[in-house]
PDB file of N, CA and C in Angstrom:
ATOM      1  N   UNK A   1     -50.674  18.086 -93.794  1.00  0.00           N
ATOM      2  CA  UNK A   1     -50.831  17.186 -92.728  1.00  0.00           C
ATOM      3  C   UNK A   1     -50.504  17.928 -92.043  1.00  0.00           C
ATOM      4  N   UNK A   2     -52.704  17.655 -91.258  1.00  0.00           N
ATOM      5  CA  UNK A   2     -52.909  18.363 -89.828  1.00  0.00           C
ATOM      6  C   UNK A   2     -52.007  17.897 -88.623  1.00  0.00           C
ATOM      7  N   UNK A   3     -51.521  18.955 -87.977  1.00  0.00           N
ATOM      8  CA  UNK A   3     -50.997  18.263 -86.452  1.00  0.00           C
ATOM      9  C   UNK A   3     -51.395  16.776 -86.166  1.00  0.00           C
ATOM     10  N   UNK A   4     -52.890  16.288 -85.702  1.00  0.00           N
ATOM     11  CA  UNK A   4     -53.673  15.791 -85.101  1.00  0.00           C
ATOM     12  C   UNK A   4     -53.021  13.933 -86.189  1.00  0.00           C
ATOM     13  N   UNK A   5     -53.275  14.441 -87.599  1.00  0.00           N
ATOM     14  CA  UNK A   5     -53.061  13.271 -88.264  1.00  0.00           C
ATOM     15  C   UNK A   5     -51.546  13.027 -87.874  1.00  0.00           C
ATOM     16  N   UNK A   6     -50.073  14.313 -87.957  1.00  0.00           N
ATOM     17  CA  UNK A   6     -49.623  13.497 -87.884  1.00  0.00           C
ATOM     18  C   UNK A   6     -48.957  12.751 -86.928  1.00  0.00           C
ATOM     19  N   UNK A   7     -49.601  13.095 -85.929  1.00  0.00           N
ATOM     20  CA  UNK A   7     -48.968  12.400 -84.440  1.00  0.00           C
ATOM     21  C   UNK A   7     -50.486  11.209 -84.431  1.00  0.00           C
ATOM     22  N   UNK A   8     -51.375  11.053 -85.592  1.00  0.00           N
ATOM     23  CA  UNK A   8     -51.771  10.208 -85.294  1.00  0.00           C
ATOM     24  C   UNK A   8     -50.980   8.644 -86.558  1.00  0.00           C
ATOM     25  N   UNK A   9     -49.974   9.450 -87.673  1.00  0.00           N
ATOM     26  CA  UNK A   9     -49.263   8.723 -88.443  1.00  0.00           C
ATOM     27  C   UNK A   9     -47.924   8.323 -87.724  1.00  0.00           C
ATOM     28  N   UNK A  10     -47.384   8.721 -86.034  1.00  0.00           N
ATOM     29  CA  UNK A  10     -46.322   8.883 -85.495  1.00  0.00           C
ATOM     30  C   UNK A  10     -46.789   7.575 -84.709  1.00  0.00           C
ATOM     31  N   UNK A  11     -48.322   7.435 -84.408  1.00  0.00           N
ATOM     32  CA  UNK A  11     -48.048   6.052 -83.605  1.00  0.00           C
ATOM     33  C   UNK A  11     -48.599   4.797 -84.458  1.00  0.00           C
ATOM     34  N   UNK A  12     -49.170   5.100 -85.693  1.00  0.00           N
ATOM     35  CA  UNK A  12     -49.069   4.252 -86.722  1.00  0.00           C
ATOM     36  C   UNK A  12     -48.406   3.388 -86.506  1.00  0.00           C
ATOM     37  N   UNK A  13     -46.670   4.698 -87.084  1.00  0.00           N
ATOM     38  CA  UNK A  13     -46.160   4.105 -87.289  1.00  0.00           C
ATOM     39  C   UNK A  13     -44.899   2.987 -86.462  1.00  0.00           C
ATOM     40  N   UNK A  14     -45.062   3.877 -84.786  1.00  0.00           N
ATOM     41  CA  UNK A  14     -44.581   2.851 -83.478  1.00  0.00           C
ATOM     42  C   UNK A  14     -45.359   2.062 -83.429  1.00  0.00           C
ATOM     43  N   UNK A  15     -46.538   1.364 -83.236  1.00  0.00           N
ATOM     44  CA  UNK A  15     -47.258   0.545 -82.747  1.00  0.00           C
ATOM     45  C   UNK A  15     -46.763  -0.113 -84.341  1.00  0.00           C
ATOM     46  N   UNK A  16     -46.806  -0.798 -85.467  1.00  0.00           N
ATOM     47  CA  UNK A  16     -46.616  -1.195 -86.601  1.00  0.00           C
ATOM     48  C   UNK A  16     -44.852  -1.311 -87.036  1.00  0.00           C
ATOM     49  N   UNK A  17     -44.137  -0.549 -86.622  1.00  0.00           N
ATOM     50  CA  UNK A  17     -43.204  -0.712 -86.202  1.00  0.00           C
ATOM     51  C   UNK A  17     -42.028  -0.661 -87.975  1.00  0.00           C
ATOM     52  N   UNK A  18     -43.020   0.030 -88.886  1.00  0.00           N
ATOM     53  CA  UNK A  18     -42.676   0.445 -90.387  1.00  0.00           C
ATOM     54  C   UNK A  18     -43.416   1.086 -90.762  1.00  0.00           C
ATOM     55  N   UNK A  19     -42.582   2.360 -91.420  1.00  0.00           N
ATOM     56  CA  UNK A  19     -43.212   2.808 -91.836  1.00  0.00           C
ATOM     57  C   UNK A  19     -45.006   2.720 -93.404  1.00  0.00           C
ATOM     58  N   UNK A  20     -43.925   1.424 -94.233  1.00  0.00           N
ATOM     59  CA  UNK A  20     -44.418   0.723 -94.580  1.00  0.00           C
ATOM     60  C   UNK A  20     -46.384   0.629 -94.368  1.00  0.00           C
ATOM     61  N   UNK A  21     -45.837  -0.030 -92.857  1.00  0.00           N
ATOM     62  CA  UNK A  21     -47.158  -0.695 -92.619  1.00  0.00           C
ATOM     63  C   UNK A  21     -47.929   0.487 -92.191  1.00  0.00           C
ATOM     64  N   UNK A  22     -47.609   1.256 -91.632  1.00  0.00           N
ATOM     65  CA  UNK A  22     -48.065   2.315 -91.034  1.00  0.00           C
ATOM     66  C   UNK A  22     -48.912   3.144 -92.042  1.00  0.00           C
ATOM     67  N   UNK A  23     -48.163   2.933 -93.201  1.00  0.00           N
ATOM     68  CA  UNK A  23     -49.537   4.155 -94.639  1.00  0.00           C
ATOM     69  C   UNK A  23     -50.274   2.908 -95.047  1.00  0.00           C
ATOM     70  N   UNK A  24     -48.941   2.065 -94.833  1.00  0.00           N
ATOM     71  CA  UNK A  24     -50.691   0.748 -95.372  1.00  0.00           C
ATOM     72  C   UNK A  24     -51.643   1.074 -94.408  1.00  0.00           C
ATOM     73  N   UNK A  25     -51.122   0.911 -93.066  1.00  0.00           N
ATOM     74  CA  UNK A  25     -53.245   0.447 -92.315  1.00  0.00           C
ATOM     75  C   UNK A  25     -53.921   2.499 -93.034  1.00  0.00           C
ATOM     76  N   UNK A  26     -53.623   3.336 -92.635  1.00  0.00           N
ATOM     77  CA  UNK A  26     -53.162   4.111 -92.294  1.00  0.00           C
ATOM     78  C   UNK A  26     -54.353   5.364 -94.259  1.00  0.00           C
ATOM     79  N   UNK A  27     -54.242   4.365 -95.128  1.00  0.00           N
ATOM     80  CA  UNK A  27     -54.632   4.465 -96.680  1.00  0.00           C
ATOM     81  C   UNK A  27     -53.879   5.976 -97.114  1.00  0.00           C
ATOM     82  N   UNK A  28     -52.303   5.300 -96.615  1.00  0.00           N
ATOM     83  CA  UNK A  28     -51.304   7.185 -96.866  1.00  0.00           C
ATOM     84  C   UNK A  28     -50.514   5.988 -98.249  1.00  0.00           C
ATOM     85  N   UNK A  29     -49.602   7.211 -99.194  1.00  0.00           N
ATOM     86  CA  UNK A  29     -48.523   7.430 -99.977  1.00  0.00           C
ATOM     87  C   UNK A  29     -47.645   7.118 -98.664  1.00  0.00           C
ATOM     88  N   UNK A  30     -46.893   6.643 -99.065  1.00  0.00           N
ATOM     89  CA  UNK A  30     -44.711   6.393 -97.864  1.00  0.00           C
ATOM     90  C   UNK A  30     -44.572   7.381 -97.616  1.00  0.00           C
ATOM     91  N   UNK A  31     -44.574   8.060 -98.986  1.00  0.00           N
ATOM     92  CA  UNK A  31     -43.850   9.803 -99.060  1.00  0.00           C
ATOM     93  C   UNK A  31     -44.994  10.604 -98.466  1.00  0.00           C
ATOM     94  N   UNK A  32     -46.095  10.560 -97.418  1.00  0.00           N
ATOM     95  CA  UNK A  32     -46.913  11.928 -96.968  1.00  0.00           C
ATOM     96  C   UNK A  32     -46.546  12.302 -95.705  1.00  0.00           C
TER      97      UNK A  32
END
């Protein structure tokens, strides 16, 4: 995963409050 994608994932988790919800929003598996 690129650093920019990692930062976007971090922001998505922070905004949603949930890794599962962030993964759903970003269309990723939870393990990525």
